[in-house]
Each structure stands twice: as C-alpha cells, then as structure tokens.
Amino acid sequence: RQGEADDYILELQLGGESVVLGQDGRE
C-alpha cells in the first residue's frame, strides 16, 4: 500500500545454502 512498485523479482541461486521463496500460500 505504501509503495508504487509494479515489478517482478527473479531470484537465482549461485551457491551457498538454499533459500526459500514464498507467495500466495506456496513455498
């Protein structure tokens, strides 16, 4: 509500430990 961003963000793992992405009930 505070921001005006209308973007997508792509995340690609290059290395190290794994990460979790979550949205709309999915992880």
PDB file of all heavy atoms in Angstrom:
ATOM      1  N   ARG A   1       0.827  -1.211   0.000  1.00  0.00           N
ATOM      2  CA  ARG A   1       0.000   0.000   0.000  1.00  0.00           C
ATOM      3  C   ARG A   1       0.859   1.258   0.000  1.00  0.00           C
ATOM      4  O   ARG A   1       0.498   2.272  -0.582  1.00  0.00           O
ATOM      5  CB  ARG A   1      -0.917   0.003   1.231  1.00  0.00           C
ATOM      6  CG  ARG A   1      -2.047  -1.025   1.162  1.00  0.00           C
ATOM      7  CD  ARG A   1      -3.089  -0.741   2.235  1.00  0.00           C
ATOM      8  NE  ARG A   1      -2.525  -0.820   3.574  1.00  0.00           N
ATOM      9  CZ  ARG A   1      -2.497  -1.928   4.311  1.00  0.00           C
ATOM     10  NH1 ARG A   1      -2.994  -3.062   3.808  1.00  0.00           N
ATOM     11  NH2 ARG A   1      -1.987  -1.922   5.527  1.00  0.00           N
ATOM     12  N   GLN A   2       2.020   1.185   0.656  1.00  0.00           N
ATOM     13  CA  GLN A   2       2.886   2.361   0.758  1.00  0.00           C
ATOM     14  C   GLN A   2       3.709   2.595  -0.504  1.00  0.00           C
ATOM     15  O   GLN A   2       4.102   3.721  -0.797  1.00  0.00           O
ATOM     16  CB  GLN A   2       3.837   2.203   1.955  1.00  0.00           C
ATOM     17  CG  GLN A   2       3.141   2.235   3.295  1.00  0.00           C
ATOM     18  CD  GLN A   2       4.102   1.929   4.439  1.00  0.00           C
ATOM     19  OE1 GLN A   2       5.180   1.376   4.224  1.00  0.00           O
ATOM     20  NE2 GLN A   2       3.714   2.299   5.640  1.00  0.00           N
ATOM     21  N   GLY A   3       3.990   1.536  -1.233  1.00  0.00           N
ATOM     22  CA  GLY A   3       4.879   1.654  -2.392  1.00  0.00           C
ATOM     23  C   GLY A   3       4.125   1.797  -3.694  1.00  0.00           C
ATOM     24  O   GLY A   3       2.911   1.639  -3.771  1.00  0.00           O
ATOM     25  N   GLU A   4       4.881   2.125  -4.734  1.00  0.00           N
ATOM     26  CA  GLU A   4       4.306   2.275  -6.063  1.00  0.00           C
ATOM     27  C   GLU A   4       4.919   1.285  -7.043  1.00  0.00           C
ATOM     28  O   GLU A   4       4.696   1.389  -8.244  1.00  0.00           O
ATOM     29  CB  GLU A   4       4.538   3.707  -6.566  1.00  0.00           C
ATOM     30  CG  GLU A   4       3.874   4.767  -5.710  1.00  0.00           C
ATOM     31  CD  GLU A   4       4.143   6.169  -6.212  1.00  0.00           C
ATOM     32  OE1 GLU A   4       4.945   6.294  -7.165  1.00  0.00           O
ATOM     33  OE2 GLU A   4       3.561   7.115  -5.675  1.00  0.00           O
ATOM     34  N   ALA A   5       5.673   0.310  -6.538  1.00  0.00           N
ATOM     35  CA  ALA A   5       6.360  -0.640  -7.406  1.00  0.00           C
ATOM     36  C   ALA A   5       5.364  -1.566  -8.092  1.00  0.00           C
ATOM     37  O   ALA A   5       4.380  -2.001  -7.505  1.00  0.00           O
ATOM     38  CB  ALA A   5       7.366  -1.458  -6.594  1.00  0.00           C
ATOM     39  N   ASP A   6       5.619  -1.852  -9.339  1.00  0.00           N
ATOM     40  CA  ASP A   6       4.793  -2.778 -10.119  1.00  0.00           C
ATOM     41  C   ASP A   6       5.750  -3.700 -10.868  1.00  0.00           C
ATOM     42  O   ASP A   6       5.773  -3.736 -12.100  1.00  0.00           O
ATOM     43  CB  ASP A   6       3.888  -1.996 -11.078  1.00  0.00           C
ATOM     44  CG  ASP A   6       2.875  -2.889 -11.767  1.00  0.00           C
ATOM     45  OD1 ASP A   6       2.561  -3.967 -11.228  1.00  0.00           O
ATOM     46  OD2 ASP A   6       2.420  -2.531 -12.869  1.00  0.00           O
ATOM     47  N   ASP A   7       6.544  -4.428 -10.084  1.00  0.00           N
ATOM     48  CA  ASP A   7       7.664  -5.184 -10.637  1.00  0.00           C
ATOM     49  C   ASP A   7       7.554  -6.676 -10.342  1.00  0.00           C
ATOM     50  O   ASP A   7       6.801  -7.115  -9.474  1.00  0.00           O
ATOM     51  CB  ASP A   7       8.987  -4.690 -10.042  1.00  0.00           C
ATOM     52  CG  ASP A   7       9.275  -3.234 -10.349  1.00  0.00           C
ATOM     53  OD1 ASP A   7       8.792  -2.746 -11.389  1.00  0.00           O
ATOM     54  OD2 ASP A   7       9.971  -2.598  -9.548  1.00  0.00           O
ATOM     55  N   TYR A   8       8.354  -7.426 -11.096  1.00  0.00           N
ATOM     56  CA  TYR A   8       8.680  -8.809 -10.753  1.00  0.00           C
ATOM     57  C   TYR A   8      10.115  -8.830 -10.242  1.00  0.00           C
ATOM     58  O   TYR A   8      10.961  -8.020 -10.660  1.00  0.00           O
ATOM     59  CB  TYR A   8       8.594  -9.730 -11.967  1.00  0.00           C
ATOM     60  CG  TYR A   8       7.205 -10.026 -12.450  1.00  0.00           C
ATOM     61  CD1 TYR A   8       6.861  -9.823 -13.786  1.00  0.00           C
ATOM     62  CD2 TYR A   8       6.239 -10.543 -11.593  1.00  0.00           C
ATOM     63  CE1 TYR A   8       5.587 -10.103 -14.253  1.00  0.00           C
ATOM     64  CE2 TYR A   8       4.958 -10.830 -12.047  1.00  0.00           C
ATOM     65  CZ  TYR A   8       4.647 -10.609 -13.385  1.00  0.00           C
ATOM     66  OH  TYR A   8       3.384 -10.882 -13.841  1.00  0.00           O
ATOM     67  N   ILE A   9      10.388  -9.773  -9.347  1.00  0.00           N
ATOM     68  CA  ILE A   9      11.759 -10.029  -8.915  1.00  0.00           C
ATOM     69  C   ILE A   9      12.080 -11.484  -9.228  1.00  0.00           C
ATOM     70  O   ILE A   9      11.298 -12.381  -8.903  1.00  0.00           O
ATOM     71  CB  ILE A   9      11.939  -9.769  -7.410  1.00  0.00           C
ATOM     72  CG1 ILE A   9      11.808  -8.283  -7.102  1.00  0.00           C
ATOM     73  CG2 ILE A   9      13.307 -10.273  -6.935  1.00  0.00           C
ATOM     74  CD1 ILE A   9      11.969  -7.938  -5.630  1.00  0.00           C
ATOM     75  N   LEU A  10      13.195 -11.707  -9.882  1.00  0.00           N
ATOM     76  CA  LEU A  10      13.680 -13.060 -10.126  1.00  0.00           C
ATOM     77  C   LEU A  10      14.866 -13.303  -9.209  1.00  0.00           C
ATOM     78  O   LEU A  10      15.745 -12.455  -9.078  1.00  0.00           O
ATOM     79  CB  LEU A  10      14.096 -13.227 -11.583  1.00  0.00           C
ATOM     80  CG  LEU A  10      14.677 -14.599 -11.968  1.00  0.00           C
ATOM     81  CD1 LEU A  10      14.258 -14.980 -13.380  1.00  0.00           C
ATOM     82  CD2 LEU A  10      16.205 -14.628 -11.864  1.00  0.00           C
ATOM     83  N   GLU A  11      14.889 -14.471  -8.579  1.00  0.00           N
ATOM     84  CA  GLU A  11      15.998 -14.853  -7.701  1.00  0.00           C
ATOM     85  C   GLU A  11      16.614 -16.136  -8.226  1.00  0.00           C
ATOM     86  O   GLU A  11      15.916 -17.134  -8.462  1.00  0.00           O
ATOM     87  CB  GLU A  11      15.478 -15.080  -6.277  1.00  0.00           C
ATOM     88  CG  GLU A  11      16.537 -15.436  -5.254  1.00  0.00           C
ATOM     89  CD  GLU A  11      17.212 -14.218  -4.648  1.00  0.00           C
ATOM     90  OE1 GLU A  11      16.787 -13.088  -4.978  1.00  0.00           O
ATOM     91  OE2 GLU A  11      18.142 -14.407  -3.849  1.00  0.00           O
ATOM     92  N   LEU A  12      17.924 -16.118  -8.454  1.00  0.00           N
ATOM     93  CA  LEU A  12      18.650 -17.307  -8.919  1.00  0.00           C
ATOM     94  C   LEU A  12      19.780 -17.609  -7.944  1.00  0.00           C
ATOM     95  O   LEU A  12      20.572 -16.718  -7.621  1.00  0.00           O
ATOM     96  CB  LEU A  12      19.207 -17.092 -10.328  1.00  0.00           C
ATOM     97  CG  LEU A  12      19.960 -18.274 -10.947  1.00  0.00           C
ATOM     98  CD1 LEU A  12      19.728 -18.324 -12.454  1.00  0.00           C
ATOM     99  CD2 LEU A  12      21.469 -18.231 -10.681  1.00  0.00           C
ATOM    100  N   GLN A  13      19.851 -18.848  -7.487  1.00  0.00           N
ATOM    101  CA  GLN A  13      20.886 -19.244  -6.540  1.00  0.00           C
ATOM    102  C   GLN A  13      22.192 -19.577  -7.261  1.00  0.00           C
ATOM    103  O   GLN A  13      22.226 -20.467  -8.114  1.00  0.00           O
ATOM    104  CB  GLN A  13      20.432 -20.463  -5.731  1.00  0.00           C
ATOM    105  CG  GLN A  13      19.395 -20.157  -4.678  1.00  0.00           C
ATOM    106  CD  GLN A  13      19.878 -19.074  -3.730  1.00  0.00           C
ATOM    107  OE1 GLN A  13      19.490 -17.923  -3.862  1.00  0.00           O
ATOM    108  NE2 GLN A  13      20.724 -19.444  -2.802  1.00  0.00           N
ATOM    109  N   LEU A  14      23.231 -18.838  -6.902  1.00  0.00           N
ATOM    110  CA  LEU A  14      24.552 -19.118  -7.480  1.00  0.00           C
ATOM    111  C   LEU A  14      25.322 -20.130  -6.649  1.00  0.00           C
ATOM    112  O   LEU A  14      26.145 -20.880  -7.172  1.00  0.00           O
ATOM    113  CB  LEU A  14      25.368 -17.826  -7.564  1.00  0.00           C
ATOM    114  CG  LEU A  14      25.096 -16.900  -8.743  1.00  0.00           C
ATOM    115  CD1 LEU A  14      25.921 -15.635  -8.614  1.00  0.00           C
ATOM    116  CD2 LEU A  14      25.400 -17.603 -10.054  1.00  0.00           C
ATOM    117  N   GLY A  15      25.093 -20.128  -5.338  1.00  0.00           N
ATOM    118  CA  GLY A  15      25.841 -21.040  -4.484  1.00  0.00           C
ATOM    119  C   GLY A  15      25.531 -20.805  -3.025  1.00  0.00           C
ATOM    120  O   GLY A  15      24.739 -19.931  -2.661  1.00  0.00           O
ATOM    121  N   GLY A  16      26.175 -21.580  -2.173  1.00  0.00           N
ATOM    122  CA  GLY A  16      25.935 -21.464  -0.753  1.00  0.00           C
ATOM    123  C   GLY A  16      24.710 -22.250  -0.337  1.00  0.00           C
ATOM    124  O   GLY A  16      24.275 -23.183  -1.019  1.00  0.00           O
ATOM    125  N   GLU A  17      24.122 -21.870   0.784  1.00  0.00           N
ATOM    126  CA  GLU A  17      22.958 -22.569   1.304  1.00  0.00           C
ATOM    127  C   GLU A  17      21.707 -22.258   0.481  1.00  0.00           C
ATOM    128  O   GLU A  17      21.632 -21.256  -0.222  1.00  0.00           O
ATOM    129  CB  GLU A  17      22.714 -22.171   2.763  1.00  0.00           C
ATOM    130  CG  GLU A  17      23.877 -22.477   3.693  1.00  0.00           C
ATOM    131  CD  GLU A  17      24.116 -23.959   3.856  1.00  0.00           C
ATOM    132  OE1 GLU A  17      23.137 -24.730   3.764  1.00  0.00           O
ATOM    133  OE2 GLU A  17      25.274 -24.355   4.072  1.00  0.00           O
ATOM    134  N   SER A  18      20.730 -23.139   0.582  1.00  0.00           N
ATOM    135  CA  SER A  18      19.480 -22.949  -0.132  1.00  0.00           C
ATOM    136  C   SER A  18      18.659 -21.828   0.501  1.00  0.00           C
ATOM    137  O   SER A  18      18.857 -21.472   1.664  1.00  0.00           O
ATOM    138  CB  SER A  18      18.659 -24.242  -0.137  1.00  0.00           C
ATOM    139  OG  SER A  18      18.376 -24.640   1.191  1.00  0.00           O
ATOM    140  N   VAL A  19      17.732 -21.266  -0.277  1.00  0.00           N
ATOM    141  CA  VAL A  19      16.813 -20.248   0.221  1.00  0.00           C
ATOM    142  C   VAL A  19      15.387 -20.708  -0.058  1.00  0.00           C
ATOM    143  O   VAL A  19      15.140 -21.590  -0.886  1.00  0.00           O
ATOM    144  CB  VAL A  19      17.058 -18.866  -0.429  1.00  0.00           C
ATOM    145  CG1 VAL A  19      18.469 -18.403  -0.196  1.00  0.00           C
ATOM    146  CG2 VAL A  19      16.720 -18.909  -1.908  1.00  0.00           C
ATOM    147  N   VAL A  20      14.444 -20.081   0.635  1.00  0.00           N
ATOM    148  CA  VAL A  20      13.026 -20.375   0.444  1.00  0.00           C
ATOM    149  C   VAL A  20      12.336 -19.112  -0.080  1.00  0.00           C
ATOM    150  O   VAL A  20      12.528 -18.025   0.471  1.00  0.00           O
ATOM    151  CB  VAL A  20      12.363 -20.823   1.760  1.00  0.00           C
ATOM    152  CG1 VAL A  20      10.851 -20.966   1.567  1.00  0.00           C
ATOM    153  CG2 VAL A  20      12.967 -22.139   2.242  1.00  0.00           C
ATOM    154  N   LEU A  21      11.551 -19.261  -1.148  1.00  0.00           N
ATOM    155  CA  LEU A  21      10.698 -18.187  -1.634  1.00  0.00           C
ATOM    156  C   LEU A  21       9.249 -18.559  -1.339  1.00  0.00           C
ATOM    157  O   LEU A  21       8.847 -19.719  -1.551  1.00  0.00           O
ATOM    158  CB  LEU A  21      10.862 -17.974  -3.140  1.00  0.00           C
ATOM    159  CG  LEU A  21      12.217 -17.492  -3.666  1.00  0.00           C
ATOM    160  CD1 LEU A  21      12.133 -17.221  -5.163  1.00  0.00           C
ATOM    161  CD2 LEU A  21      12.696 -16.262  -2.927  1.00  0.00           C
ATOM    162  N   GLY A  22       8.473 -17.586  -0.858  1.00  0.00           N
ATOM    163  CA  GLY A  22       7.084 -17.849  -0.551  1.00  0.00           C
ATOM    164  C   GLY A  22       6.162 -16.765  -1.065  1.00  0.00           C
ATOM    165  O   GLY A  22       6.482 -15.575  -0.993  1.00  0.00           O
ATOM    166  N   GLN A  23       5.017 -17.192  -1.600  1.00  0.00           N
ATOM    167  CA  GLN A  23       3.993 -16.238  -2.061  1.00  0.00           C
ATOM    168  C   GLN A  23       2.689 -16.996  -2.322  1.00  0.00           C
ATOM    169  O   GLN A  23       2.700 -18.133  -2.805  1.00  0.00           O
ATOM    170  CB  GLN A  23       4.443 -15.516  -3.341  1.00  0.00           C
ATOM    171  CG  GLN A  23       3.522 -14.376  -3.757  1.00  0.00           C
ATOM    172  CD  GLN A  23       4.225 -13.397  -4.693  1.00  0.00           C
ATOM    173  OE1 GLN A  23       4.598 -13.746  -5.800  1.00  0.00           O
ATOM    174  NE2 GLN A  23       4.393 -12.157  -4.236  1.00  0.00           N
ATOM    175  N   ASP A  24       1.572 -16.365  -1.980  1.00  0.00           N
ATOM    176  CA  ASP A  24       0.238 -16.919  -2.251  1.00  0.00           C
ATOM    177  C   ASP A  24       0.058 -18.324  -1.689  1.00  0.00           C
ATOM    178  O   ASP A  24      -0.588 -19.185  -2.305  1.00  0.00           O
ATOM    179  CB  ASP A  24      -0.043 -16.933  -3.762  1.00  0.00           C
ATOM    180  CG  ASP A  24      -0.079 -15.538  -4.360  1.00  0.00           C
ATOM    181  OD1 ASP A  24      -0.323 -14.574  -3.603  1.00  0.00           O
ATOM    182  OD2 ASP A  24       0.147 -15.405  -5.577  1.00  0.00           O
ATOM    183  N   GLY A  25       0.645 -18.587  -0.519  1.00  0.00           N
ATOM    184  CA  GLY A  25       0.494 -19.892   0.107  1.00  0.00           C
ATOM    185  C   GLY A  25       1.456 -20.947  -0.396  1.00  0.00           C
ATOM    186  O   GLY A  25       1.465 -22.084   0.103  1.00  0.00           O
ATOM    187  N   ARG A  26       2.289 -20.606  -1.384  1.00  0.00           N
ATOM    188  CA  ARG A  26       3.282 -21.552  -1.894  1.00  0.00           C
ATOM    189  C   ARG A  26       4.640 -21.251  -1.280  1.00  0.00           C
ATOM    190  O   ARG A  26       4.971 -20.086  -1.043  1.00  0.00           O
ATOM    191  CB  ARG A  26       3.399 -21.459  -3.424  1.00  0.00           C
ATOM    192  CG  ARG A  26       2.174 -21.869  -4.190  1.00  0.00           C
ATOM    193  CD  ARG A  26       2.434 -21.788  -5.695  1.00  0.00           C
ATOM    194  NE  ARG A  26       2.711 -20.419  -6.127  1.00  0.00           N
ATOM    195  CZ  ARG A  26       1.778 -19.549  -6.461  1.00  0.00           C
ATOM    196  NH1 ARG A  26       0.496 -19.893  -6.403  1.00  0.00           N
ATOM    197  NH2 ARG A  26       2.088 -18.328  -6.857  1.00  0.00           N
ATOM    198  N   GLU A  27       5.429 -22.287  -1.056  1.00  0.00           N
ATOM    199  CA  GLU A  27       6.817 -22.122  -0.645  1.00  0.00           C
ATOM    200  C   GLU A  27       7.660 -23.128  -1.413  1.00  0.00           C
ATOM    201  O   GLU A  27       7.253 -24.272  -1.599  1.00  0.00           O
ATOM    202  CB  GLU A  27       6.995 -22.339   0.857  1.00  0.00           C
ATOM    203  CG  GLU A  27       6.477 -21.203   1.711  1.00  0.00           C
ATOM    204  CD  GLU A  27       6.921 -21.319   3.160  1.00  0.00           C
ATOM    205  OE1 GLU A  27       7.534 -22.359   3.511  1.00  0.00           O
ATOM    206  OE2 GLU A  27       6.663 -20.388   3.935  1.00  0.00           O
TER     207      GLU A  27
END
